[in-house]
Amino acid sequence: MHMAMKSIVPAPRLIHGLTSTLLACAVLTGCAPRDVPGNNTAIDAGTTALTPGARPVTVGEGGAGLNACIARGRVVNLAPNGQPYLVVRAAPFTEAMEIARLSKGAELFVCTRSIDQRWRGVVIPPLDNPGADCGVMTPVATVQPYDGPCRSGWIPSAFLELGAG
């Protein structure tokens, strides 16, 4: 009887182990949808790479008691023998769409920053009227996307020199 016990005890463990393994394989291979958005198996090699969309510049982050954009700034650090302009992007990513180009010394309003602080959300006065306030020199009640008369976008923080608001 002692012998029979030893031969019976390992069998349930073996069956349980096999059942668990087969169940895991079935779940991992047979239950995943094949042709739904976001499923990597549905992407073919000819698909165009995804790029980030536009992210609006927000104003009012300093609170209702401060101007909509909290500082002024100007473009600096352009390479003397490199690109003669700074690209303004639609979102705080190098891959985001180019929406404008700024030359060294261009003045702008600094309104926000990216989470990693590598990008600044700016509002750009028109070249023919660099003194325009673009609607950001007065407070706004809440944090909101900029919706004023001037262009807005994102520039790398390394190319910005901050000044007083």
N, C-alpha and C. Protein backbone atom coordinates (compact mmCIF):
# COMPACT_ATOMS: atom_id res chain seq x y z
N MET A 1 0.81 -1.18 0.00
CA MET A 1 0.00 0.00 0.00
C MET A 1 0.87 1.26 0.00
N HIS A 2 1.94 1.19 0.71
CA HIS A 2 2.87 2.31 0.75
C HIS A 2 3.39 2.61 -0.66
N MET A 3 3.65 1.58 -1.46
CA MET A 3 4.11 1.74 -2.84
C MET A 3 3.05 2.41 -3.70
N ALA A 4 1.79 2.00 -3.52
CA ALA A 4 0.71 2.56 -4.32
C ALA A 4 0.57 4.05 -4.05
N MET A 5 0.76 4.47 -2.81
CA MET A 5 0.65 5.88 -2.47
C MET A 5 1.67 6.70 -3.24
N LYS A 6 2.91 6.20 -3.33
CA LYS A 6 3.95 6.94 -4.02
C LYS A 6 3.62 7.08 -5.50
N SER A 7 3.04 6.09 -6.13
CA SER A 7 2.74 6.18 -7.55
C SER A 7 1.51 7.05 -7.83
N ILE A 8 0.62 7.22 -6.87
CA ILE A 8 -0.58 8.02 -7.06
C ILE A 8 -0.28 9.50 -6.83
N VAL A 9 0.55 9.85 -5.89
CA VAL A 9 0.82 11.23 -5.53
C VAL A 9 1.43 12.03 -6.68
N PRO A 10 2.43 11.54 -7.44
CA PRO A 10 2.99 12.35 -8.51
C PRO A 10 2.03 12.55 -9.69
N ALA A 11 1.11 11.64 -9.95
CA ALA A 11 0.24 11.74 -11.11
C ALA A 11 -0.61 13.01 -11.10
N PRO A 12 -1.28 13.40 -10.02
CA PRO A 12 -2.06 14.64 -10.04
C PRO A 12 -1.18 15.87 -10.26
N ARG A 13 0.02 15.87 -9.71
CA ARG A 13 0.92 17.01 -9.93
C ARG A 13 1.30 17.11 -11.40
N LEU A 14 1.56 15.97 -12.02
CA LEU A 14 1.92 15.95 -13.43
C LEU A 14 0.77 16.44 -14.29
N ILE A 15 -0.43 15.94 -14.02
CA ILE A 15 -1.61 16.36 -14.79
C ILE A 15 -1.88 17.84 -14.58
N HIS A 16 -1.78 18.32 -13.34
CA HIS A 16 -2.00 19.73 -13.05
C HIS A 16 -0.98 20.61 -13.79
N GLY A 17 0.28 20.19 -13.78
CA GLY A 17 1.33 20.93 -14.48
C GLY A 17 1.10 20.98 -15.97
N LEU A 18 0.72 19.87 -16.57
CA LEU A 18 0.44 19.84 -18.01
C LEU A 18 -0.77 20.68 -18.35
N THR A 19 -1.80 20.59 -17.52
CA THR A 19 -3.01 21.37 -17.76
C THR A 19 -2.70 22.86 -17.70
N SER A 20 -1.93 23.29 -16.73
CA SER A 20 -1.57 24.70 -16.60
C SER A 20 -0.76 25.17 -17.80
N THR A 21 0.18 24.36 -18.25
CA THR A 21 1.01 24.71 -19.39
C THR A 21 0.17 24.82 -20.66
N LEU A 22 -0.71 23.85 -20.90
CA LEU A 22 -1.57 23.88 -22.08
C LEU A 22 -2.53 25.06 -22.04
N LEU A 23 -3.07 25.37 -20.89
CA LEU A 23 -3.97 26.50 -20.75
C LEU A 23 -3.24 27.82 -21.05
N ALA A 24 -2.03 27.96 -20.53
CA ALA A 24 -1.24 29.17 -20.79
C ALA A 24 -0.94 29.31 -22.27
N CYS A 25 -0.58 28.24 -22.94
CA CYS A 25 -0.30 28.28 -24.38
C CYS A 25 -1.55 28.67 -25.16
N ALA A 26 -2.69 28.12 -24.78
CA ALA A 26 -3.94 28.44 -25.49
C ALA A 26 -4.29 29.90 -25.33
N VAL A 27 -4.12 30.42 -24.13
CA VAL A 27 -4.44 31.82 -23.89
C VAL A 27 -3.50 32.73 -24.66
N LEU A 28 -2.22 32.43 -24.66
CA LEU A 28 -1.24 33.29 -25.31
C LEU A 28 -1.31 33.23 -26.83
N THR A 29 -1.68 32.12 -27.40
CA THR A 29 -1.66 32.00 -28.86
C THR A 29 -3.02 32.05 -29.51
N GLY A 30 -4.03 31.56 -28.87
CA GLY A 30 -5.31 31.43 -29.54
C GLY A 30 -6.33 32.49 -29.23
N CYS A 31 -6.14 33.26 -28.18
CA CYS A 31 -7.17 34.19 -27.77
C CYS A 31 -6.91 35.63 -28.20
N ALA A 32 -5.74 35.94 -28.67
CA ALA A 32 -5.42 37.32 -29.05
C ALA A 32 -6.09 37.66 -30.37
N PRO A 33 -6.81 38.80 -30.44
CA PRO A 33 -7.41 39.22 -31.71
C PRO A 33 -6.32 39.56 -32.71
N ARG A 34 -6.56 39.26 -33.95
CA ARG A 34 -5.53 39.42 -34.98
C ARG A 34 -5.61 40.74 -35.74
N ASP A 35 -6.76 41.24 -36.04
CA ASP A 35 -6.88 42.40 -36.92
C ASP A 35 -7.58 43.57 -36.25
N VAL A 36 -7.12 43.96 -35.08
CA VAL A 36 -7.69 45.10 -34.41
C VAL A 36 -6.64 46.19 -34.31
N PRO A 37 -7.06 47.45 -34.30
CA PRO A 37 -6.08 48.54 -34.18
C PRO A 37 -5.25 48.39 -32.92
N GLY A 38 -3.96 48.61 -33.04
CA GLY A 38 -3.06 48.52 -31.91
C GLY A 38 -2.44 47.16 -31.73
N ASN A 39 -2.90 46.15 -32.46
CA ASN A 39 -2.31 44.82 -32.36
C ASN A 39 -1.15 44.77 -33.33
N ASN A 40 0.06 44.57 -32.83
CA ASN A 40 1.26 44.62 -33.66
C ASN A 40 1.27 43.58 -34.78
N THR A 41 0.53 42.49 -34.64
CA THR A 41 0.54 41.48 -35.69
C THR A 41 -0.17 41.97 -36.93
N ALA A 42 -0.97 43.04 -36.83
CA ALA A 42 -1.70 43.54 -37.98
C ALA A 42 -0.92 44.60 -38.76
N ILE A 43 0.28 44.97 -38.29
CA ILE A 43 1.08 46.00 -38.94
C ILE A 43 2.01 45.34 -39.95
N ASP A 44 2.00 45.84 -41.18
CA ASP A 44 2.91 45.29 -42.18
C ASP A 44 4.10 46.22 -42.36
N ALA A 45 5.12 45.74 -43.02
CA ALA A 45 6.38 46.48 -43.15
C ALA A 45 6.22 47.77 -43.96
N GLY A 46 5.20 47.89 -44.79
CA GLY A 46 5.03 49.07 -45.62
C GLY A 46 4.29 50.21 -44.95
N THR A 47 3.89 50.07 -43.70
CA THR A 47 3.12 51.10 -43.01
C THR A 47 4.02 52.29 -42.70
N THR A 48 3.49 53.50 -42.89
CA THR A 48 4.22 54.72 -42.57
C THR A 48 4.37 54.84 -41.06
N ALA A 49 5.52 55.30 -40.62
CA ALA A 49 5.77 55.45 -39.18
C ALA A 49 4.81 56.48 -38.59
N LEU A 50 4.37 56.24 -37.38
CA LEU A 50 3.48 57.17 -36.70
C LEU A 50 4.27 58.35 -36.18
N THR A 51 3.67 59.53 -36.19
CA THR A 51 4.30 60.72 -35.64
C THR A 51 3.35 61.35 -34.64
N PRO A 52 3.89 62.09 -33.69
CA PRO A 52 3.01 62.71 -32.71
C PRO A 52 2.15 63.78 -33.36
N GLY A 53 0.95 63.93 -32.88
CA GLY A 53 0.06 64.97 -33.38
C GLY A 53 0.39 66.30 -32.76
N ALA A 54 -0.43 67.27 -33.01
CA ALA A 54 -0.23 68.60 -32.44
C ALA A 54 -0.63 68.60 -30.98
N ARG A 55 0.09 69.36 -30.20
CA ARG A 55 -0.25 69.57 -28.79
C ARG A 55 -0.31 71.07 -28.58
N PRO A 56 -1.50 71.59 -28.27
CA PRO A 56 -1.60 73.04 -28.14
C PRO A 56 -0.77 73.58 -26.99
N VAL A 57 -0.28 74.78 -27.17
CA VAL A 57 0.42 75.49 -26.10
C VAL A 57 -0.65 75.98 -25.13
N THR A 58 -0.44 75.77 -23.85
CA THR A 58 -1.41 76.23 -22.86
C THR A 58 -0.96 77.53 -22.23
N VAL A 59 -1.94 78.32 -21.84
CA VAL A 59 -1.69 79.60 -21.15
C VAL A 59 -2.41 79.56 -19.82
N GLY A 60 -2.02 80.44 -18.92
CA GLY A 60 -2.68 80.55 -17.63
C GLY A 60 -2.12 79.65 -16.55
N GLU A 61 -0.97 79.04 -16.78
CA GLU A 61 -0.41 78.12 -15.80
C GLU A 61 0.09 78.81 -14.54
N GLY A 62 0.29 80.12 -14.59
CA GLY A 62 0.74 80.86 -13.42
C GLY A 62 -0.40 81.23 -12.48
N GLY A 63 -1.62 80.98 -12.88
CA GLY A 63 -2.77 81.32 -12.05
C GLY A 63 -3.45 82.59 -12.54
N ALA A 64 -4.62 82.85 -11.99
CA ALA A 64 -5.46 83.97 -12.43
C ALA A 64 -4.86 85.34 -12.11
N GLY A 65 -3.85 85.39 -11.24
CA GLY A 65 -3.25 86.68 -10.88
C GLY A 65 -2.06 87.08 -11.76
N LEU A 66 -1.62 86.19 -12.64
CA LEU A 66 -0.46 86.48 -13.50
C LEU A 66 -0.86 86.50 -14.96
N ASN A 67 0.01 87.06 -15.80
CA ASN A 67 -0.24 87.08 -17.24
C ASN A 67 -0.44 85.67 -17.78
N ALA A 68 -1.15 85.56 -18.88
CA ALA A 68 -1.42 84.26 -19.50
C ALA A 68 -0.13 83.51 -19.80
N CYS A 69 0.89 84.21 -20.29
CA CYS A 69 2.22 83.63 -20.48
C CYS A 69 3.14 84.28 -19.44
N ILE A 70 3.92 83.47 -18.78
CA ILE A 70 4.64 83.96 -17.60
C ILE A 70 5.98 84.62 -17.86
N ALA A 71 6.50 84.53 -19.08
CA ALA A 71 7.81 85.13 -19.34
C ALA A 71 7.95 85.50 -20.81
N ARG A 72 8.95 86.32 -21.07
CA ARG A 72 9.37 86.61 -22.45
C ARG A 72 10.69 85.89 -22.65
N GLY A 73 11.04 85.68 -23.88
CA GLY A 73 12.31 85.04 -24.17
C GLY A 73 12.77 85.39 -25.56
N ARG A 74 13.97 84.92 -25.88
CA ARG A 74 14.48 85.12 -27.24
C ARG A 74 15.31 83.91 -27.65
N VAL A 75 15.40 83.71 -28.94
CA VAL A 75 16.12 82.57 -29.50
C VAL A 75 17.62 82.83 -29.40
N VAL A 76 18.35 81.84 -28.89
CA VAL A 76 19.81 81.91 -28.75
C VAL A 76 20.42 80.56 -29.13
N ASN A 77 21.73 80.51 -29.12
CA ASN A 77 22.51 79.28 -29.29
C ASN A 77 22.41 78.60 -30.65
N LEU A 78 22.04 79.34 -31.68
CA LEU A 78 22.06 78.72 -33.01
C LEU A 78 23.51 78.55 -33.43
N ALA A 79 23.83 77.44 -34.05
CA ALA A 79 25.21 77.15 -34.46
C ALA A 79 25.64 78.15 -35.53
N PRO A 80 26.83 78.77 -35.38
CA PRO A 80 27.28 79.77 -36.35
C PRO A 80 27.46 79.20 -37.75
N ASN A 81 27.87 77.97 -37.88
CA ASN A 81 28.06 77.36 -39.20
C ASN A 81 27.01 76.29 -39.50
N GLY A 82 25.98 76.23 -38.71
CA GLY A 82 24.95 75.21 -38.88
C GLY A 82 23.65 75.80 -39.39
N GLN A 83 22.58 75.24 -38.95
CA GLN A 83 21.26 75.67 -39.37
C GLN A 83 21.03 77.11 -38.90
N PRO A 84 20.68 78.03 -39.81
CA PRO A 84 20.55 79.45 -39.44
C PRO A 84 19.20 79.80 -38.81
N TYR A 85 18.40 78.83 -38.46
CA TYR A 85 17.08 79.10 -37.88
C TYR A 85 16.73 78.00 -36.88
N LEU A 86 15.74 78.30 -36.06
CA LEU A 86 15.22 77.34 -35.09
C LEU A 86 13.83 76.91 -35.55
N VAL A 87 13.60 75.62 -35.61
CA VAL A 87 12.31 75.09 -36.03
C VAL A 87 11.33 75.13 -34.86
N VAL A 88 10.14 75.67 -35.11
CA VAL A 88 9.04 75.64 -34.15
C VAL A 88 8.18 74.46 -34.54
N ARG A 89 7.84 73.62 -33.57
CA ARG A 89 7.10 72.38 -33.86
C ARG A 89 5.69 72.43 -33.27
N ALA A 90 4.81 71.58 -33.82
CA ALA A 90 3.41 71.51 -33.40
C ALA A 90 3.23 70.77 -32.08
N ALA A 91 4.26 70.07 -31.63
CA ALA A 91 4.22 69.31 -30.37
C ALA A 91 5.66 69.23 -29.84
N PRO A 92 5.84 68.92 -28.58
CA PRO A 92 7.19 68.88 -28.02
C PRO A 92 7.95 67.59 -28.34
N PHE A 93 8.14 67.35 -29.64
CA PHE A 93 8.86 66.18 -30.14
C PHE A 93 9.60 66.58 -31.41
N THR A 94 10.78 66.06 -31.61
CA THR A 94 11.56 66.36 -32.81
C THR A 94 10.83 65.91 -34.07
N GLU A 95 10.02 64.87 -33.96
CA GLU A 95 9.31 64.32 -35.12
C GLU A 95 8.03 65.08 -35.45
N ALA A 96 7.61 65.99 -34.58
CA ALA A 96 6.37 66.73 -34.80
C ALA A 96 6.51 67.66 -36.01
N MET A 97 5.38 68.00 -36.60
CA MET A 97 5.36 68.84 -37.80
C MET A 97 5.98 70.22 -37.54
N GLU A 98 6.76 70.68 -38.51
CA GLU A 98 7.34 72.02 -38.45
C GLU A 98 6.24 73.02 -38.78
N ILE A 99 6.10 74.05 -37.93
CA ILE A 99 5.07 75.05 -38.21
C ILE A 99 5.63 76.45 -38.45
N ALA A 100 6.90 76.67 -38.07
CA ALA A 100 7.53 77.97 -38.30
C ALA A 100 9.03 77.84 -38.11
N ARG A 101 9.74 78.89 -38.51
CA ARG A 101 11.18 78.97 -38.30
C ARG A 101 11.50 80.33 -37.71
N LEU A 102 12.39 80.32 -36.70
CA LEU A 102 12.78 81.56 -36.04
C LEU A 102 14.27 81.80 -36.19
N SER A 103 14.65 83.04 -36.37
CA SER A 103 16.07 83.38 -36.46
C SER A 103 16.60 83.73 -35.08
N LYS A 104 17.91 83.77 -34.97
CA LYS A 104 18.57 84.13 -33.71
C LYS A 104 18.08 85.50 -33.27
N GLY A 105 17.77 85.64 -31.99
CA GLY A 105 17.31 86.91 -31.44
C GLY A 105 15.81 87.13 -31.52
N ALA A 106 15.08 86.25 -32.21
CA ALA A 106 13.63 86.41 -32.31
C ALA A 106 13.02 86.41 -30.91
N GLU A 107 12.12 87.35 -30.65
CA GLU A 107 11.49 87.44 -29.34
C GLU A 107 10.15 86.73 -29.35
N LEU A 108 9.82 86.15 -28.18
CA LEU A 108 8.57 85.39 -28.07
C LEU A 108 8.09 85.37 -26.63
N PHE A 109 6.90 84.86 -26.44
CA PHE A 109 6.32 84.69 -25.11
C PHE A 109 6.45 83.22 -24.71
N VAL A 110 6.88 82.99 -23.48
CA VAL A 110 7.04 81.63 -22.97
C VAL A 110 5.85 81.34 -22.06
N CYS A 111 5.08 80.30 -22.43
CA CYS A 111 3.82 80.05 -21.73
C CYS A 111 3.78 78.75 -20.94
N THR A 112 4.48 77.74 -21.38
CA THR A 112 4.41 76.43 -20.73
C THR A 112 5.68 75.66 -21.03
N ARG A 113 5.75 74.45 -20.51
CA ARG A 113 6.90 73.58 -20.78
C ARG A 113 6.42 72.13 -20.83
N SER A 114 7.25 71.30 -21.45
CA SER A 114 6.93 69.87 -21.50
C SER A 114 7.22 69.25 -20.13
N ILE A 115 6.70 68.06 -19.90
CA ILE A 115 6.90 67.39 -18.62
C ILE A 115 8.38 67.20 -18.31
N ASP A 116 9.17 66.84 -19.33
CA ASP A 116 10.61 66.64 -19.11
C ASP A 116 11.41 67.94 -19.15
N GLN A 117 10.75 69.05 -19.37
CA GLN A 117 11.32 70.40 -19.41
C GLN A 117 12.30 70.63 -20.54
N ARG A 118 12.32 69.75 -21.51
CA ARG A 118 13.22 69.92 -22.65
C ARG A 118 12.62 70.83 -23.73
N TRP A 119 11.33 71.09 -23.66
CA TRP A 119 10.63 71.91 -24.65
C TRP A 119 9.84 73.00 -23.95
N ARG A 120 9.71 74.15 -24.63
CA ARG A 120 8.91 75.26 -24.12
C ARG A 120 7.80 75.56 -25.12
N GLY A 121 6.61 75.75 -24.59
CA GLY A 121 5.49 76.18 -25.41
C GLY A 121 5.52 77.69 -25.50
N VAL A 122 5.56 78.20 -26.73
CA VAL A 122 5.74 79.64 -26.93
C VAL A 122 4.67 80.21 -27.85
N VAL A 123 4.47 81.52 -27.70
CA VAL A 123 3.62 82.30 -28.59
C VAL A 123 4.53 83.29 -29.29
N ILE A 124 4.39 83.38 -30.61
CA ILE A 124 5.34 84.15 -31.43
C ILE A 124 4.66 85.38 -32.02
N PRO A 125 5.10 86.59 -31.62
CA PRO A 125 4.55 87.80 -32.23
C PRO A 125 4.91 87.86 -33.72
N PRO A 126 4.11 88.53 -34.53
CA PRO A 126 4.42 88.63 -35.95
C PRO A 126 5.74 89.39 -36.18
N LEU A 127 6.46 89.01 -37.22
CA LEU A 127 7.74 89.66 -37.53
C LEU A 127 7.57 91.16 -37.77
N ASP A 128 6.46 91.55 -38.38
CA ASP A 128 6.25 92.97 -38.68
C ASP A 128 5.74 93.76 -37.47
N ASN A 129 5.45 93.06 -36.35
CA ASN A 129 4.99 93.74 -35.15
C ASN A 129 5.48 92.97 -33.91
N PRO A 130 6.82 92.96 -33.68
CA PRO A 130 7.36 92.17 -32.57
C PRO A 130 6.91 92.64 -31.19
N GLY A 131 6.36 93.84 -31.09
CA GLY A 131 5.88 94.36 -29.81
C GLY A 131 4.44 93.95 -29.49
N ALA A 132 3.78 93.26 -30.39
CA ALA A 132 2.40 92.85 -30.16
C ALA A 132 2.31 91.96 -28.92
N ASP A 133 1.24 92.10 -28.15
CA ASP A 133 1.14 91.28 -26.93
C ASP A 133 0.45 89.94 -27.18
N CYS A 134 -0.07 89.72 -28.35
CA CYS A 134 -0.67 88.44 -28.76
C CYS A 134 -1.77 87.95 -27.83
N GLY A 135 -2.29 88.83 -26.98
CA GLY A 135 -3.35 88.44 -26.06
C GLY A 135 -2.87 87.66 -24.86
N VAL A 136 -1.56 87.71 -24.56
CA VAL A 136 -1.03 86.92 -23.44
C VAL A 136 -0.47 87.78 -22.30
N MET A 137 -0.63 89.09 -22.40
CA MET A 137 -0.09 89.98 -21.38
C MET A 137 -1.12 90.35 -20.31
N THR A 138 -2.24 89.65 -20.29
CA THR A 138 -3.25 89.82 -19.25
C THR A 138 -3.58 88.43 -18.70
N PRO A 139 -4.09 88.37 -17.48
CA PRO A 139 -4.42 87.07 -16.89
C PRO A 139 -5.59 86.38 -17.59
N VAL A 140 -5.66 85.07 -17.47
CA VAL A 140 -6.82 84.28 -17.89
C VAL A 140 -7.32 83.52 -16.67
N ALA A 141 -8.61 83.23 -16.64
CA ALA A 141 -9.22 82.62 -15.46
C ALA A 141 -8.75 81.20 -15.19
N THR A 142 -8.52 80.42 -16.26
CA THR A 142 -8.14 79.01 -16.09
C THR A 142 -7.05 78.64 -17.09
N VAL A 143 -6.37 77.54 -16.82
CA VAL A 143 -5.41 77.00 -17.78
C VAL A 143 -6.20 76.55 -19.01
N GLN A 144 -5.73 76.98 -20.17
CA GLN A 144 -6.45 76.67 -21.41
C GLN A 144 -5.51 76.72 -22.61
N PRO A 145 -5.89 76.07 -23.71
CA PRO A 145 -5.07 76.16 -24.93
C PRO A 145 -5.05 77.60 -25.45
N TYR A 146 -3.90 78.02 -25.95
CA TYR A 146 -3.80 79.37 -26.53
C TYR A 146 -4.66 79.42 -27.78
N ASP A 147 -5.48 80.48 -27.86
CA ASP A 147 -6.37 80.66 -29.01
C ASP A 147 -6.38 82.13 -29.39
N GLY A 148 -5.18 82.69 -29.56
CA GLY A 148 -5.09 84.11 -29.85
C GLY A 148 -4.70 84.38 -31.29
N PRO A 149 -4.35 85.63 -31.58
CA PRO A 149 -4.08 86.05 -32.95
C PRO A 149 -2.69 85.67 -33.48
N CYS A 150 -1.79 85.22 -32.62
CA CYS A 150 -0.42 84.92 -33.03
C CYS A 150 -0.19 83.41 -33.17
N ARG A 151 0.91 83.07 -33.78
CA ARG A 151 1.28 81.65 -33.90
C ARG A 151 1.81 81.14 -32.57
N SER A 152 1.62 79.84 -32.34
CA SER A 152 2.17 79.22 -31.14
C SER A 152 2.73 77.87 -31.51
N GLY A 153 3.67 77.39 -30.70
CA GLY A 153 4.28 76.09 -30.96
C GLY A 153 5.32 75.78 -29.90
N TRP A 154 6.17 74.82 -30.21
CA TRP A 154 7.14 74.29 -29.26
C TRP A 154 8.56 74.41 -29.79
N ILE A 155 9.48 74.86 -28.90
CA ILE A 155 10.89 74.93 -29.25
C ILE A 155 11.71 74.24 -28.16
N PRO A 156 12.88 73.70 -28.49
CA PRO A 156 13.74 73.10 -27.47
C PRO A 156 14.21 74.15 -26.46
N SER A 157 14.19 73.83 -25.19
CA SER A 157 14.57 74.78 -24.13
C SER A 157 16.00 75.28 -24.29
N ALA A 158 16.89 74.48 -24.86
CA ALA A 158 18.30 74.83 -25.00
C ALA A 158 18.50 76.05 -25.91
N PHE A 159 17.51 76.40 -26.72
CA PHE A 159 17.64 77.52 -27.64
C PHE A 159 16.84 78.74 -27.19
N LEU A 160 16.54 78.80 -25.90
CA LEU A 160 15.74 79.89 -25.37
C LEU A 160 16.45 80.56 -24.21
N GLU A 161 16.50 81.87 -24.27
CA GLU A 161 16.98 82.66 -23.15
C GLU A 161 15.78 83.38 -22.55
N LEU A 162 15.51 83.10 -21.27
CA LEU A 162 14.36 83.68 -20.62
C LEU A 162 14.63 85.10 -20.17
N GLY A 163 13.56 85.92 -20.19
CA GLY A 163 13.61 87.29 -19.70
C GLY A 163 12.40 87.51 -18.80
N ALA A 164 12.20 88.71 -18.37
CA ALA A 164 11.04 89.03 -17.51
C ALA A 164 9.76 89.03 -18.33
N GLY A 165 8.65 88.69 -17.70
CA GLY A 165 7.34 88.66 -18.34
C GLY A 165 6.81 90.04 -18.40
